[in-house]
Amino acid sequence: MKARARALAAFLCLLACPASAQAPAPTPAPTVPEKAAKPVSAFGDDKPDCLQWTDGCIICKRQADGAVACSTAGAACVQTEPACAGKPE
């Protein structure tokens, strides 16, 4: 009976111990971005002959007045490097 009482007391102690008594989880090292990527909407700045481009998530199209219009990203897309999808004929 004493063994059961000791086991119960040890179990209750484990439940009652504050979380700070446990070893803290290691914090991950902060990631440093290699370089800030240009937004997909700016891809056409360097390619004036490209009328439409995409990164697999967003599609951008050059308008008749030269402005750029882009779609919004879908919920499940796989982003890739932007690529031209339409050139003038």
N, C-alpha and C. Protein backbone atom coordinates (compact mmCIF):
# COMPACT_ATOMS: atom_id res chain seq x y z
N MET A 1 0.82 -1.20 0.00
CA MET A 1 0.00 0.00 0.00
C MET A 1 0.86 1.26 0.00
N LYS A 2 2.03 1.21 0.72
CA LYS A 2 2.91 2.37 0.75
C LYS A 2 3.50 2.62 -0.62
N ALA A 3 3.78 1.57 -1.37
CA ALA A 3 4.35 1.73 -2.70
C ALA A 3 3.35 2.42 -3.63
N ARG A 4 2.09 2.04 -3.49
CA ARG A 4 1.06 2.68 -4.32
C ARG A 4 0.93 4.16 -3.95
N ALA A 5 1.00 4.45 -2.67
CA ALA A 5 0.88 5.83 -2.21
C ALA A 5 2.05 6.65 -2.72
N ARG A 6 3.26 6.09 -2.70
CA ARG A 6 4.44 6.81 -3.22
C ARG A 6 4.32 7.03 -4.73
N ALA A 7 3.86 6.01 -5.44
CA ALA A 7 3.70 6.14 -6.88
C ALA A 7 2.66 7.22 -7.21
N LEU A 8 1.57 7.24 -6.46
CA LEU A 8 0.54 8.24 -6.67
C LEU A 8 1.08 9.63 -6.35
N ALA A 9 1.84 9.76 -5.27
CA ALA A 9 2.41 11.05 -4.89
C ALA A 9 3.39 11.53 -5.97
N ALA A 10 4.20 10.63 -6.50
CA ALA A 10 5.15 11.01 -7.56
C ALA A 10 4.40 11.44 -8.81
N PHE A 11 3.35 10.73 -9.16
CA PHE A 11 2.54 11.08 -10.33
C PHE A 11 1.91 12.45 -10.15
N LEU A 12 1.35 12.72 -8.98
CA LEU A 12 0.72 14.02 -8.72
C LEU A 12 1.75 15.14 -8.74
N CYS A 13 2.95 14.85 -8.27
CA CYS A 13 4.02 15.85 -8.30
C CYS A 13 4.38 16.20 -9.74
N LEU A 14 4.44 15.20 -10.59
CA LEU A 14 4.74 15.46 -11.99
C LEU A 14 3.68 16.32 -12.64
N LEU A 15 2.42 16.08 -12.28
CA LEU A 15 1.33 16.88 -12.83
C LEU A 15 1.35 18.31 -12.31
N ALA A 16 1.76 18.48 -11.06
CA ALA A 16 1.71 19.79 -10.42
C ALA A 16 2.95 20.63 -10.69
N CYS A 17 4.03 20.05 -11.19
CA CYS A 17 5.26 20.79 -11.44
C CYS A 17 5.01 21.86 -12.50
N PRO A 18 5.54 23.05 -12.29
CA PRO A 18 5.34 24.10 -13.29
C PRO A 18 6.08 23.77 -14.58
N ALA A 19 5.58 24.29 -15.67
CA ALA A 19 6.19 24.02 -16.98
C ALA A 19 7.59 24.61 -17.06
N SER A 20 7.86 25.66 -16.27
CA SER A 20 9.18 26.27 -16.33
C SER A 20 10.26 25.35 -15.77
N ALA A 21 9.87 24.32 -15.04
CA ALA A 21 10.85 23.39 -14.52
C ALA A 21 11.37 22.47 -15.61
N GLN A 22 10.65 22.39 -16.70
CA GLN A 22 11.09 21.56 -17.80
C GLN A 22 12.12 22.33 -18.63
N ALA A 23 12.97 21.61 -19.32
CA ALA A 23 13.98 22.26 -20.16
C ALA A 23 13.28 22.98 -21.32
N PRO A 24 13.67 24.22 -21.58
CA PRO A 24 13.03 24.93 -22.68
C PRO A 24 13.43 24.33 -24.02
N ALA A 25 12.52 24.41 -24.94
CA ALA A 25 12.79 23.90 -26.29
C ALA A 25 13.78 24.83 -26.96
N PRO A 26 14.70 24.30 -27.74
CA PRO A 26 15.66 25.17 -28.40
C PRO A 26 14.96 26.05 -29.44
N THR A 27 15.39 27.29 -29.51
CA THR A 27 14.80 28.20 -30.48
C THR A 27 15.55 28.06 -31.79
N PRO A 28 14.81 28.01 -32.90
CA PRO A 28 15.48 27.88 -34.19
C PRO A 28 16.25 29.15 -34.53
N ALA A 29 17.33 28.99 -35.25
CA ALA A 29 18.12 30.14 -35.67
C ALA A 29 17.31 30.96 -36.66
N PRO A 30 17.37 32.28 -36.54
CA PRO A 30 16.61 33.10 -37.48
C PRO A 30 17.15 32.92 -38.90
N THR A 31 16.24 32.91 -39.84
CA THR A 31 16.65 32.76 -41.22
C THR A 31 16.92 34.13 -41.82
N VAL A 32 17.94 34.20 -42.61
CA VAL A 32 18.30 35.45 -43.26
C VAL A 32 17.97 35.31 -44.73
N PRO A 33 17.09 36.17 -45.23
CA PRO A 33 16.76 36.05 -46.64
C PRO A 33 17.99 36.35 -47.49
N GLU A 34 18.17 35.56 -48.55
CA GLU A 34 19.32 35.75 -49.42
C GLU A 34 19.25 37.10 -50.11
N LYS A 35 18.15 37.39 -50.73
CA LYS A 35 17.90 38.70 -51.30
C LYS A 35 16.40 38.84 -51.49
N ALA A 36 15.96 40.06 -51.41
CA ALA A 36 14.53 40.29 -51.59
C ALA A 36 14.18 40.09 -53.05
N ALA A 37 13.24 39.20 -53.28
CA ALA A 37 12.80 38.93 -54.64
C ALA A 37 11.87 40.03 -55.11
N LYS A 38 11.97 40.34 -56.40
CA LYS A 38 11.05 41.32 -56.97
C LYS A 38 9.66 40.71 -57.01
N PRO A 39 8.64 41.50 -56.79
CA PRO A 39 7.29 40.96 -56.92
C PRO A 39 7.04 40.54 -58.37
N VAL A 40 6.19 39.58 -58.55
CA VAL A 40 5.91 39.06 -59.90
C VAL A 40 5.38 40.18 -60.81
N SER A 41 4.70 41.16 -60.24
CA SER A 41 4.18 42.26 -61.06
C SER A 41 5.31 43.08 -61.68
N ALA A 42 6.50 43.08 -61.08
CA ALA A 42 7.64 43.84 -61.60
C ALA A 42 8.46 43.05 -62.62
N PHE A 43 8.12 41.79 -62.85
CA PHE A 43 8.86 40.96 -63.80
C PHE A 43 8.87 41.61 -65.18
N GLY A 44 7.77 42.20 -65.60
CA GLY A 44 7.65 42.81 -66.91
C GLY A 44 8.44 44.09 -67.07
N ASP A 45 8.92 44.68 -65.97
CA ASP A 45 9.72 45.91 -66.06
C ASP A 45 10.97 45.69 -66.90
N ASP A 46 11.59 44.53 -66.75
CA ASP A 46 12.82 44.22 -67.47
C ASP A 46 12.56 43.57 -68.83
N LYS A 47 11.31 43.28 -69.13
CA LYS A 47 10.95 42.58 -70.38
C LYS A 47 9.76 43.30 -71.03
N PRO A 48 10.03 44.45 -71.66
CA PRO A 48 8.92 45.23 -72.23
C PRO A 48 8.19 44.54 -73.37
N ASP A 49 8.81 43.53 -74.01
CA ASP A 49 8.13 42.83 -75.10
C ASP A 49 7.24 41.70 -74.60
N CYS A 50 7.28 41.41 -73.32
CA CYS A 50 6.45 40.35 -72.74
C CYS A 50 5.09 40.94 -72.36
N LEU A 51 4.02 40.39 -72.92
CA LEU A 51 2.68 40.92 -72.67
C LEU A 51 1.98 40.25 -71.50
N GLN A 52 2.39 39.03 -71.17
CA GLN A 52 1.77 38.29 -70.07
C GLN A 52 2.82 37.39 -69.44
N TRP A 53 2.83 37.30 -68.10
CA TRP A 53 3.77 36.45 -67.39
C TRP A 53 3.13 35.87 -66.14
N THR A 54 3.74 34.82 -65.62
CA THR A 54 3.18 34.14 -64.45
C THR A 54 4.29 33.51 -63.63
N ASP A 55 4.00 33.32 -62.36
CA ASP A 55 4.90 32.58 -61.47
C ASP A 55 4.23 31.29 -60.99
N GLY A 56 3.18 30.89 -61.67
CA GLY A 56 2.44 29.69 -61.28
C GLY A 56 1.31 29.98 -60.31
N CYS A 57 1.33 31.14 -59.71
CA CYS A 57 0.28 31.53 -58.76
C CYS A 57 -0.45 32.78 -59.22
N ILE A 58 0.31 33.73 -59.71
CA ILE A 58 -0.24 35.02 -60.14
C ILE A 58 0.01 35.17 -61.64
N ILE A 59 -0.96 35.68 -62.34
CA ILE A 59 -0.82 35.97 -63.77
C ILE A 59 -0.92 37.49 -63.93
N CYS A 60 0.08 38.05 -64.59
CA CYS A 60 0.08 39.49 -64.85
C CYS A 60 0.00 39.72 -66.35
N LYS A 61 -0.68 40.80 -66.73
CA LYS A 61 -0.86 41.12 -68.14
C LYS A 61 -0.68 42.62 -68.33
N ARG A 62 0.07 42.95 -69.38
CA ARG A 62 0.27 44.35 -69.71
C ARG A 62 -0.97 44.86 -70.44
N GLN A 63 -1.52 45.95 -69.97
CA GLN A 63 -2.72 46.54 -70.55
C GLN A 63 -2.35 47.41 -71.76
N ALA A 64 -3.34 47.82 -72.52
CA ALA A 64 -3.12 48.63 -73.72
C ALA A 64 -2.42 49.95 -73.39
N ASP A 65 -2.70 50.51 -72.21
CA ASP A 65 -2.07 51.78 -71.84
C ASP A 65 -0.70 51.59 -71.18
N GLY A 66 -0.22 50.33 -71.11
CA GLY A 66 1.09 50.05 -70.53
C GLY A 66 1.06 49.67 -69.06
N ALA A 67 -0.08 49.87 -68.41
CA ALA A 67 -0.21 49.50 -67.01
C ALA A 67 -0.22 47.97 -66.89
N VAL A 68 0.12 47.48 -65.72
CA VAL A 68 0.15 46.03 -65.46
C VAL A 68 -1.00 45.67 -64.53
N ALA A 69 -1.75 44.64 -64.89
CA ALA A 69 -2.84 44.13 -64.05
C ALA A 69 -2.51 42.68 -63.71
N CYS A 70 -2.63 42.34 -62.42
CA CYS A 70 -2.30 40.99 -61.97
C CYS A 70 -3.48 40.37 -61.23
N SER A 71 -3.57 39.06 -61.34
CA SER A 71 -4.59 38.32 -60.59
C SER A 71 -4.12 38.14 -59.15
N THR A 72 -4.98 37.59 -58.32
CA THR A 72 -4.58 37.24 -56.97
C THR A 72 -4.23 35.75 -56.94
N ALA A 73 -3.36 35.39 -56.01
CA ALA A 73 -2.92 33.99 -55.91
C ALA A 73 -4.04 33.11 -55.40
N GLY A 74 -4.14 31.91 -55.95
CA GLY A 74 -5.11 30.94 -55.47
C GLY A 74 -4.67 30.34 -54.15
N ALA A 75 -5.56 29.60 -53.52
CA ALA A 75 -5.26 29.01 -52.22
C ALA A 75 -4.21 27.91 -52.31
N ALA A 76 -4.20 27.17 -53.39
CA ALA A 76 -3.26 26.06 -53.52
C ALA A 76 -2.49 26.21 -54.82
N CYS A 77 -1.42 27.00 -54.76
CA CYS A 77 -0.61 27.17 -55.96
C CYS A 77 0.83 26.81 -55.63
N VAL A 78 1.58 26.50 -56.66
CA VAL A 78 3.00 26.18 -56.49
C VAL A 78 3.77 27.28 -57.20
N GLN A 79 4.41 28.14 -56.40
CA GLN A 79 5.10 29.28 -56.96
C GLN A 79 6.42 28.84 -57.61
N THR A 80 6.69 29.37 -58.79
CA THR A 80 7.92 29.11 -59.52
C THR A 80 8.55 30.44 -59.91
N GLU A 81 9.67 30.39 -60.59
CA GLU A 81 10.27 31.61 -61.10
C GLU A 81 9.33 32.20 -62.15
N PRO A 82 9.15 33.52 -62.16
CA PRO A 82 8.29 34.12 -63.17
C PRO A 82 8.82 33.84 -64.58
N ALA A 83 7.91 33.64 -65.51
CA ALA A 83 8.26 33.38 -66.90
C ALA A 83 7.26 34.05 -67.81
N CYS A 84 7.75 34.50 -68.95
CA CYS A 84 6.89 35.15 -69.94
C CYS A 84 5.96 34.09 -70.54
N ALA A 85 4.69 34.45 -70.66
CA ALA A 85 3.71 33.50 -71.20
C ALA A 85 3.06 34.03 -72.47
N GLY A 86 3.42 35.23 -72.89
CA GLY A 86 2.82 35.77 -74.10
C GLY A 86 3.61 36.93 -74.65
N LYS A 87 4.05 36.80 -75.91
CA LYS A 87 4.79 37.87 -76.59
C LYS A 87 3.99 38.32 -77.79
N PRO A 88 4.21 39.55 -78.24
CA PRO A 88 3.47 40.02 -79.41
C PRO A 88 3.82 39.19 -80.65
N GLU A 89 2.88 39.08 -81.53
CA GLU A 89 3.09 38.28 -82.75
C GLU A 89 3.68 39.10 -83.85
